[in-house]
Amino acid sequence: MIAAISSHAFDSFFAWAPWVVGAVIYFAFWLAKRHEKAEVATASATATYACASCGRRGTLAQMVEQHHGGAIGYQCPQCATAQATAH
């Protein structure tokens, strides 16, 4: 006896296989990701900046802006005062 697959069964298998495999992959990712929680970014509240001259760190409210041709650098008040008195 020769086992043969009918052309209708063969065509049906290859017609539905990509959809079934895609659904299985989608379901697997859904199972893996369903318990993850999104974290709220709070970096701006705790971000610190380093002084461009000495490297001292401080919040943005403690730094003095220094404009350099379109770019902005930050200096601590001590370095900004020293630079202002030097010029």
PDB file of N, CA and C in Angstrom:
ATOM      1  N   MET A   1       0.830  -1.160   0.000  1.00  0.00           N
ATOM      2  CA  MET A   1       0.000   0.000   0.000  1.00  0.00           C
ATOM      3  C   MET A   1       0.891   1.246   0.000  1.00  0.00           C
ATOM      4  N   ILE A   2       0.632   2.160  -0.869  1.00  0.00           N
ATOM      5  CA  ILE A   2       1.400   3.391  -0.989  1.00  0.00           C
ATOM      6  C   ILE A   2       0.611   4.503  -0.300  1.00  0.00           C
ATOM      7  N   ALA A   3       1.259   5.099   0.697  1.00  0.00           N
ATOM      8  CA  ALA A   3       0.602   6.193   1.413  1.00  0.00           C
ATOM      9  C   ALA A   3       0.796   7.469   0.614  1.00  0.00           C
ATOM     10  N   ALA A   4      -0.282   8.120   0.320  1.00  0.00           N
ATOM     11  CA  ALA A   4      -0.222   9.356  -0.453  1.00  0.00           C
ATOM     12  C   ALA A   4      -1.143  10.385   0.185  1.00  0.00           C
ATOM     13  N   ILE A   5      -0.716  11.613   0.104  1.00  0.00           N
ATOM     14  CA  ILE A   5      -1.529  12.714   0.617  1.00  0.00           C
ATOM     15  C   ILE A   5      -2.269  13.311  -0.569  1.00  0.00           C
ATOM     16  N   SER A   6      -3.545  13.505  -0.386  1.00  0.00           N
ATOM     17  CA  SER A   6      -4.309  14.091  -1.488  1.00  0.00           C
ATOM     18  C   SER A   6      -3.868  15.535  -1.701  1.00  0.00           C
ATOM     19  N   SER A   7      -4.046  16.016  -2.897  1.00  0.00           N
ATOM     20  CA  SER A   7      -3.622  17.379  -3.196  1.00  0.00           C
ATOM     21  C   SER A   7      -4.460  18.392  -2.423  1.00  0.00           C
ATOM     22  N   HIS A   8      -5.706  18.071  -2.137  1.00  0.00           N
ATOM     23  CA  HIS A   8      -6.544  18.979  -1.360  1.00  0.00           C
ATOM     24  C   HIS A   8      -6.011  19.113   0.070  1.00  0.00           C
ATOM     25  N   ALA A   9      -5.623  17.998   0.687  1.00  0.00           N
ATOM     26  CA  ALA A   9      -5.072  18.034   2.047  1.00  0.00           C
ATOM     27  C   ALA A   9      -3.728  18.767   2.054  1.00  0.00           C
ATOM     28  N   PHE A  10      -2.926  18.538   1.046  1.00  0.00           N
ATOM     29  CA  PHE A  10      -1.625  19.204   0.929  1.00  0.00           C
ATOM     30  C   PHE A  10      -1.804  20.714   0.779  1.00  0.00           C
ATOM     31  N   ASP A  11      -2.707  21.131  -0.079  1.00  0.00           N
ATOM     32  CA  ASP A  11      -2.974  22.557  -0.283  1.00  0.00           C
ATOM     33  C   ASP A  11      -3.558  23.197   0.975  1.00  0.00           C
ATOM     34  N   SER A  12      -4.446  22.502   1.640  1.00  0.00           N
ATOM     35  CA  SER A  12      -5.046  23.046   2.862  1.00  0.00           C
ATOM     36  C   SER A  12      -4.008  23.218   3.961  1.00  0.00           C
ATOM     37  N   PHE A  13      -3.100  22.244   4.078  1.00  0.00           N
ATOM     38  CA  PHE A  13      -2.056  22.350   5.101  1.00  0.00           C
ATOM     39  C   PHE A  13      -1.196  23.589   4.880  1.00  0.00           C
ATOM     40  N   PHE A  14      -0.703  23.800   3.673  1.00  0.00           N
ATOM     41  CA  PHE A  14       0.166  24.937   3.404  1.00  0.00           C
ATOM     42  C   PHE A  14      -0.599  26.261   3.326  1.00  0.00           C
ATOM     43  N   ALA A  15      -1.904  26.213   3.191  1.00  0.00           N
ATOM     44  CA  ALA A  15      -2.695  27.439   3.221  1.00  0.00           C
ATOM     45  C   ALA A  15      -2.886  27.900   4.667  1.00  0.00           C
ATOM     46  N   TRP A  16      -3.097  26.974   5.594  1.00  0.00           N
ATOM     47  CA  TRP A  16      -3.370  27.336   6.978  1.00  0.00           C
ATOM     48  C   TRP A  16      -2.128  27.369   7.862  1.00  0.00           C
ATOM     49  N   ALA A  17      -1.037  26.730   7.477  1.00  0.00           N
ATOM     50  CA  ALA A  17       0.157  26.641   8.323  1.00  0.00           C
ATOM     51  C   ALA A  17       0.721  28.016   8.706  1.00  0.00           C
ATOM     52  N   PRO A  18       0.879  28.988   7.796  1.00  0.00           N
ATOM     53  CA  PRO A  18       1.418  30.289   8.215  1.00  0.00           C
ATOM     54  C   PRO A  18       0.514  30.994   9.224  1.00  0.00           C
ATOM     55  N   TRP A  19      -0.805  30.869   9.066  1.00  0.00           N
ATOM     56  CA  TRP A  19      -1.730  31.500  10.003  1.00  0.00           C
ATOM     57  C   TRP A  19      -1.649  30.849  11.380  1.00  0.00           C
ATOM     58  N   VAL A  20      -1.548  29.533  11.405  1.00  0.00           N
ATOM     59  CA  VAL A  20      -1.477  28.815  12.677  1.00  0.00           C
ATOM     60  C   VAL A  20      -0.154  29.111  13.378  1.00  0.00           C
ATOM     61  N   VAL A  21       0.939  29.083  12.642  1.00  0.00           N
ATOM     62  CA  VAL A  21       2.241  29.375  13.238  1.00  0.00           C
ATOM     63  C   VAL A  21       2.281  30.819  13.743  1.00  0.00           C
ATOM     64  N   GLY A  22       1.740  31.754  12.974  1.00  0.00           N
ATOM     65  CA  GLY A  22       1.686  33.148  13.411  1.00  0.00           C
ATOM     66  C   GLY A  22       0.867  33.321  14.669  1.00  0.00           C
ATOM     67  N   ALA A  23      -0.272  32.647  14.753  1.00  0.00           N
ATOM     68  CA  ALA A  23      -1.114  32.729  15.943  1.00  0.00           C
ATOM     69  C   ALA A  23      -0.409  32.129  17.155  1.00  0.00           C
ATOM     70  N   VAL A  24       0.314  31.048  16.969  1.00  0.00           N
ATOM     71  CA  VAL A  24       1.056  30.426  18.070  1.00  0.00           C
ATOM     72  C   VAL A  24       2.155  31.371  18.566  1.00  0.00           C
ATOM     73  N   ILE A  25       2.873  32.018  17.657  1.00  0.00           N
ATOM     74  CA  ILE A  25       3.923  32.961  18.049  1.00  0.00           C
ATOM     75  C   ILE A  25       3.312  34.154  18.778  1.00  0.00           C
ATOM     76  N   TYR A  26       2.227  34.700  18.258  1.00  0.00           N
ATOM     77  CA  TYR A  26       1.546  35.821  18.912  1.00  0.00           C
ATOM     78  C   TYR A  26       1.075  35.436  20.314  1.00  0.00           C
ATOM     79  N   PHE A  27       0.497  34.272  20.457  1.00  0.00           N
ATOM     80  CA  PHE A  27       0.020  33.796  21.753  1.00  0.00           C
ATOM     81  C   PHE A  27       1.185  33.601  22.728  1.00  0.00           C
ATOM     82  N   ALA A  28       2.313  33.082  22.246  1.00  0.00           N
ATOM     83  CA  ALA A  28       3.479  32.886  23.114  1.00  0.00           C
ATOM     84  C   ALA A  28       4.013  34.226  23.622  1.00  0.00           C
ATOM     85  N   PHE A  29       4.086  35.232  22.758  1.00  0.00           N
ATOM     86  CA  PHE A  29       4.533  36.552  23.202  1.00  0.00           C
ATOM     87  C   PHE A  29       3.530  37.174  24.164  1.00  0.00           C
ATOM     88  N   TRP A  30       2.257  36.967  23.925  1.00  0.00           N
ATOM     89  CA  TRP A  30       1.239  37.494  24.827  1.00  0.00           C
ATOM     90  C   TRP A  30       1.385  36.868  26.210  1.00  0.00           C
ATOM     91  N   LEU A  31       1.620  35.556  26.256  1.00  0.00           N
ATOM     92  CA  LEU A  31       1.827  34.894  27.544  1.00  0.00           C
ATOM     93  C   LEU A  31       3.067  35.428  28.254  1.00  0.00           C
ATOM     94  N   ALA A  32       4.116  35.684  27.508  1.00  0.00           N
ATOM     95  CA  ALA A  32       5.363  36.151  28.113  1.00  0.00           C
ATOM     96  C   ALA A  32       5.258  37.585  28.616  1.00  0.00           C
ATOM     97  N   LYS A  33       4.496  38.430  27.941  1.00  0.00           N
ATOM     98  CA  LYS A  33       4.463  39.856  28.254  1.00  0.00           C
ATOM     99  C   LYS A  33       3.268  40.311  29.074  1.00  0.00           C
ATOM    100  N   ARG A  34       2.331  39.454  29.379  1.00  0.00           N
ATOM    101  CA  ARG A  34       1.070  39.910  29.974  1.00  0.00           C
ATOM    102  C   ARG A  34       1.213  40.418  31.396  1.00  0.00           C
ATOM    103  N   HIS A  35       2.249  40.035  32.125  1.00  0.00           N
ATOM    104  CA  HIS A  35       2.403  40.478  33.507  1.00  0.00           C
ATOM    105  C   HIS A  35       3.405  41.622  33.654  1.00  0.00           C
ATOM    106  N   GLU A  36       3.959  42.130  32.579  1.00  0.00           N
ATOM    107  CA  GLU A  36       4.909  43.236  32.678  1.00  0.00           C
ATOM    108  C   GLU A  36       4.168  44.536  32.951  1.00  0.00           C
ATOM    109  N   LYS A  37       4.782  45.382  33.737  1.00  0.00           N
ATOM    110  CA  LYS A  37       4.198  46.683  34.053  1.00  0.00           C
ATOM    111  C   LYS A  37       5.091  47.763  33.465  1.00  0.00           C
ATOM    112  N   ALA A  38       4.482  48.822  32.980  1.00  0.00           N
ATOM    113  CA  ALA A  38       5.233  49.945  32.442  1.00  0.00           C
ATOM    114  C   ALA A  38       5.708  50.814  33.600  1.00  0.00           C
ATOM    115  N   GLU A  39       6.978  51.207  33.550  1.00  0.00           N
ATOM    116  CA  GLU A  39       7.525  52.081  34.572  1.00  0.00           C
ATOM    117  C   GLU A  39       7.415  53.525  34.111  1.00  0.00           C
ATOM    118  N   VAL A  40       7.077  54.388  35.031  1.00  0.00           N
ATOM    119  CA  VAL A  40       6.977  55.802  34.723  1.00  0.00           C
ATOM    120  C   VAL A  40       8.370  56.408  34.835  1.00  0.00           C
ATOM    121  N   ALA A  41       8.766  57.120  33.801  1.00  0.00           N
ATOM    122  CA  ALA A  41      10.087  57.736  33.795  1.00  0.00           C
ATOM    123  C   ALA A  41      10.094  58.953  34.707  1.00  0.00           C
ATOM    124  N   THR A  42      10.964  58.933  35.708  1.00  0.00           N
ATOM    125  CA  THR A  42      11.095  60.061  36.622  1.00  0.00           C
ATOM    126  C   THR A  42      12.517  60.592  36.614  1.00  0.00           C
ATOM    127  N   ALA A  43      13.186  60.460  35.485  1.00  0.00           N
ATOM    128  CA  ALA A  43      14.583  60.868  35.410  1.00  0.00           C
ATOM    129  C   ALA A  43      14.745  62.369  35.566  1.00  0.00           C
ATOM    130  N   SER A  44      13.790  63.156  35.091  1.00  0.00           N
ATOM    131  CA  SER A  44      13.946  64.601  35.165  1.00  0.00           C
ATOM    132  C   SER A  44      13.888  65.099  36.602  1.00  0.00           C
ATOM    133  N   ALA A  45      13.185  64.385  37.487  1.00  0.00           N
ATOM    134  CA  ALA A  45      13.086  64.812  38.873  1.00  0.00           C
ATOM    135  C   ALA A  45      14.371  64.540  39.646  1.00  0.00           C
ATOM    136  N   THR A  46      15.114  63.526  39.254  1.00  0.00           N
ATOM    137  CA  THR A  46      16.321  63.161  39.984  1.00  0.00           C
ATOM    138  C   THR A  46      17.580  63.345  39.163  1.00  0.00           C
ATOM    139  N   ALA A  47      17.479  63.955  37.989  1.00  0.00           N
ATOM    140  CA  ALA A  47      18.646  64.102  37.121  1.00  0.00           C
ATOM    141  C   ALA A  47      19.617  65.121  37.705  1.00  0.00           C
ATOM    142  N   THR A  48      20.894  64.799  37.607  1.00  0.00           N
ATOM    143  CA  THR A  48      21.932  65.736  38.011  1.00  0.00           C
ATOM    144  C   THR A  48      22.795  66.044  36.803  1.00  0.00           C
ATOM    145  N   TYR A  49      23.420  67.194  36.836  1.00  0.00           N
ATOM    146  CA  TYR A  49      24.272  67.646  35.740  1.00  0.00           C
ATOM    147  C   TYR A  49      25.657  67.909  36.289  1.00  0.00           C
ATOM    148  N   ALA A  50      26.670  67.668  35.469  1.00  0.00           N
ATOM    149  CA  ALA A  50      28.050  67.895  35.874  1.00  0.00           C
ATOM    150  C   ALA A  50      28.522  69.236  35.345  1.00  0.00           C
ATOM    151  N   CYS A  51      29.308  69.921  36.152  1.00  0.00           N
ATOM    152  CA  CYS A  51      29.891  71.197  35.757  1.00  0.00           C
ATOM    153  C   CYS A  51      30.857  70.959  34.602  1.00  0.00           C
ATOM    154  N   ALA A  52      30.814  71.830  33.615  1.00  0.00           N
ATOM    155  CA  ALA A  52      31.690  71.679  32.450  1.00  0.00           C
ATOM    156  C   ALA A  52      33.142  71.964  32.792  1.00  0.00           C
ATOM    157  N   SER A  53      33.398  72.672  33.879  1.00  0.00           N
ATOM    158  CA  SER A  53      34.771  73.026  34.243  1.00  0.00           C
ATOM    159  C   SER A  53      35.366  72.077  35.279  1.00  0.00           C
ATOM    160  N   CYS A  54      34.683  71.919  36.411  1.00  0.00           N
ATOM    161  CA  CYS A  54      35.271  71.143  37.499  1.00  0.00           C
ATOM    162  C   CYS A  54      34.668  69.760  37.671  1.00  0.00           C
ATOM    163  N   GLY A  55      33.488  69.510  37.115  1.00  0.00           N
ATOM    164  CA  GLY A  55      32.860  68.200  37.221  1.00  0.00           C
ATOM    165  C   GLY A  55      31.957  68.032  38.415  1.00  0.00           C
ATOM    166  N   ARG A  56      31.787  69.077  39.226  1.00  0.00           N
ATOM    167  CA  ARG A  56      30.888  69.002  40.375  1.00  0.00           C
ATOM    168  C   ARG A  56      29.473  68.763  39.872  1.00  0.00           C
ATOM    169  N   ARG A  57      28.725  67.918  40.582  1.00  0.00           N
ATOM    170  CA  ARG A  57      27.380  67.569  40.148  1.00  0.00           C
ATOM    171  C   ARG A  57      26.345  68.325  40.961  1.00  0.00           C
ATOM    172  N   GLY A  58      25.220  68.654  40.301  1.00  0.00           N
ATOM    173  CA  GLY A  58      24.116  69.330  40.967  1.00  0.00           C
ATOM    174  C   GLY A  58      22.875  69.264  40.107  1.00  0.00           C
ATOM    175  N   THR A  59      21.759  69.624  40.690  1.00  0.00           N
ATOM    176  CA  THR A  59      20.513  69.633  39.922  1.00  0.00           C
ATOM    177  C   THR A  59      20.537  70.796  38.943  1.00  0.00           C
ATOM    178  N   LEU A  60      19.608  70.806  38.038  1.00  0.00           N
ATOM    179  CA  LEU A  60      19.558  71.851  37.011  1.00  0.00           C
ATOM    180  C   LEU A  60      19.328  73.228  37.623  1.00  0.00           C
ATOM    181  N   ALA A  61      18.583  73.284  38.727  1.00  0.00           N
ATOM    182  CA  ALA A  61      18.327  74.572  39.385  1.00  0.00           C
ATOM    183  C   ALA A  61      19.598  75.162  39.983  1.00  0.00           C
ATOM    184  N   GLN A  62      20.590  74.334  40.275  1.00  0.00           N
ATOM    185  CA  GLN A  62      21.824  74.802  40.878  1.00  0.00           C
ATOM    186  C   GLN A  62      22.878  75.186  39.851  1.00  0.00           C
ATOM    187  N   MET A  63      22.647  74.909  38.581  1.00  0.00           N
ATOM    188  CA  MET A  63      23.648  75.152  37.550  1.00  0.00           C
ATOM    189  C   MET A  63      23.379  76.451  36.799  1.00  0.00           C
ATOM    190  N   VAL A  64      24.430  77.004  36.212  1.00  0.00           N
ATOM    191  CA  VAL A  64      24.347  78.224  35.413  1.00  0.00           C
ATOM    192  C   VAL A  64      24.554  77.822  33.959  1.00  0.00           C
ATOM    193  N   GLU A  65      23.641  78.253  33.080  1.00  0.00           N
ATOM    194  CA  GLU A  65      23.747  77.905  31.660  1.00  0.00           C
ATOM    195  C   GLU A  65      24.875  78.685  30.996  1.00  0.00           C
ATOM    196  N   GLN A  66      25.598  78.011  30.123  1.00  0.00           N
ATOM    197  CA  GLN A  66      26.643  78.622  29.313  1.00  0.00           C
ATOM    198  C   GLN A  66      26.348  78.272  27.861  1.00  0.00           C
ATOM    199  N   HIS A  67      26.057  79.273  27.027  1.00  0.00           N
ATOM    200  CA  HIS A  67      25.720  79.036  25.625  1.00  0.00           C
ATOM    201  C   HIS A  67      26.990  79.032  24.788  1.00  0.00           C
ATOM    202  N   HIS A  68      27.134  78.009  23.942  1.00  0.00           N
ATOM    203  CA  HIS A  68      28.318  77.842  23.094  1.00  0.00           C
ATOM    204  C   HIS A  68      27.884  77.583  21.666  1.00  0.00           C
ATOM    205  N   GLY A  69      27.540  78.605  20.927  1.00  0.00           N
ATOM    206  CA  GLY A  69      27.201  78.461  19.512  1.00  0.00           C
ATOM    207  C   GLY A  69      26.072  77.481  19.254  1.00  0.00           C
ATOM    208  N   GLY A  70      24.984  77.565  19.972  1.00  0.00           N
ATOM    209  CA  GLY A  70      23.844  76.675  19.769  1.00  0.00           C
ATOM    210  C   GLY A  70      23.773  75.543  20.764  1.00  0.00           C
ATOM    211  N   ALA A  71      24.883  75.210  21.411  1.00  0.00           N
ATOM    212  CA  ALA A  71      24.886  74.171  22.436  1.00  0.00           C
ATOM    213  C   ALA A  71      24.838  74.833  23.809  1.00  0.00           C
ATOM    214  N   ILE A  72      24.319  74.114  24.771  1.00  0.00           N
ATOM    215  CA  ILE A  72      24.237  74.645  26.127  1.00  0.00           C
ATOM    216  C   ILE A  72      25.060  73.757  27.044  1.00  0.00           C
ATOM    217  N   GLY A  73      25.958  74.370  27.779  1.00  0.00           N
ATOM    218  CA  GLY A  73      26.730  73.685  28.798  1.00  0.00           C
ATOM    219  C   GLY A  73      26.335  74.237  30.151  1.00  0.00           C
ATOM    220  N   TYR A  74      26.632  73.520  31.206  1.00  0.00           N
ATOM    221  CA  TYR A  74      26.263  73.958  32.544  1.00  0.00           C
ATOM    222  C   TYR A  74      27.510  74.046  33.408  1.00  0.00           C
ATOM    223  N   GLN A  75      27.575  75.099  34.213  1.00  0.00           N
ATOM    224  CA  GLN A  75      28.671  75.272  35.157  1.00  0.00           C
ATOM    225  C   GLN A  75      28.089  75.482  36.550  1.00  0.00           C
ATOM    226  N   CYS A  76      28.865  75.066  37.542  1.00  0.00           N
ATOM    227  CA  CYS A  76      28.442  75.314  38.912  1.00  0.00           C
ATOM    228  C   CYS A  76      28.618  76.807  39.204  1.00  0.00           C
ATOM    229  N   PRO A  77      27.961  77.336  40.230  1.00  0.00           N
ATOM    230  CA  PRO A  77      28.049  78.775  40.521  1.00  0.00           C
ATOM    231  C   PRO A  77      29.483  79.249  40.805  1.00  0.00           C
ATOM    232  N   GLN A  78      30.312  78.395  41.430  1.00  0.00           N
ATOM    233  CA  GLN A  78      31.685  78.796  41.726  1.00  0.00           C
ATOM    234  C   GLN A  78      32.497  78.991  40.452  1.00  0.00           C
ATOM    235  N   CYS A  79      32.382  78.072  39.490  1.00  0.00           N
ATOM    236  CA  CYS A  79      33.130  78.192  38.240  1.00  0.00           C
ATOM    237  C   CYS A  79      32.569  79.341  37.387  1.00  0.00           C
ATOM    238  N   ALA A  80      31.256  79.544  37.413  1.00  0.00           N
ATOM    239  CA  ALA A  80      30.662  80.629  36.649  1.00  0.00           C
ATOM    240  C   ALA A  80      31.110  81.975  37.205  1.00  0.00           C
ATOM    241  N   THR A  81      31.202  82.109  38.538  1.00  0.00           N
ATOM    242  CA  THR A  81      31.669  83.347  39.151  1.00  0.00           C
ATOM    243  C   THR A  81      33.152  83.565  38.835  1.00  0.00           C
ATOM    244  N   ALA A  82      33.950  82.504  38.901  1.00  0.00           N
ATOM    245  CA  ALA A  82      35.374  82.624  38.591  1.00  0.00           C
ATOM    246  C   ALA A  82      35.588  83.003  37.139  1.00  0.00           C
ATOM    247  N   GLN A  83      34.798  82.471  36.243  1.00  0.00           N
ATOM    248  CA  GLN A  83      34.929  82.797  34.829  1.00  0.00           C
ATOM    249  C   GLN A  83      34.492  84.242  34.560  1.00  0.00           C
ATOM    250  N   ALA A  84      33.452  84.717  35.254  1.00  0.00           N
ATOM    251  CA  ALA A  84      32.964  86.076  35.052  1.00  0.00           C
ATOM    252  C   ALA A  84      33.959  87.094  35.578  1.00  0.00           C
ATOM    253  N   THR A  85      34.637  86.803  36.686  1.00  0.00           N
ATOM    254  CA  THR A  85      35.606  87.744  37.225  1.00  0.00           C
ATOM    255  C   THR A  85      36.914  87.709  36.450  1.00  0.00           C
ATOM    256  N   ALA A  86      37.210  86.611  35.764  1.00  0.00           N
ATOM    257  CA  ALA A  86      38.433  86.519  34.966  1.00  0.00           C
ATOM    258  C   ALA A  86      38.335  87.319  33.690  1.00  0.00           C
ATOM    259  N   HIS A  87      37.151  87.528  33.172  1.00  0.00           N
ATOM    260  CA  HIS A  87      36.994  88.265  31.903  1.00  0.00           C
ATOM    261  C   HIS A  87      36.776  89.679  32.148  1.00  0.00           C
TER     262      HIS A  87
END
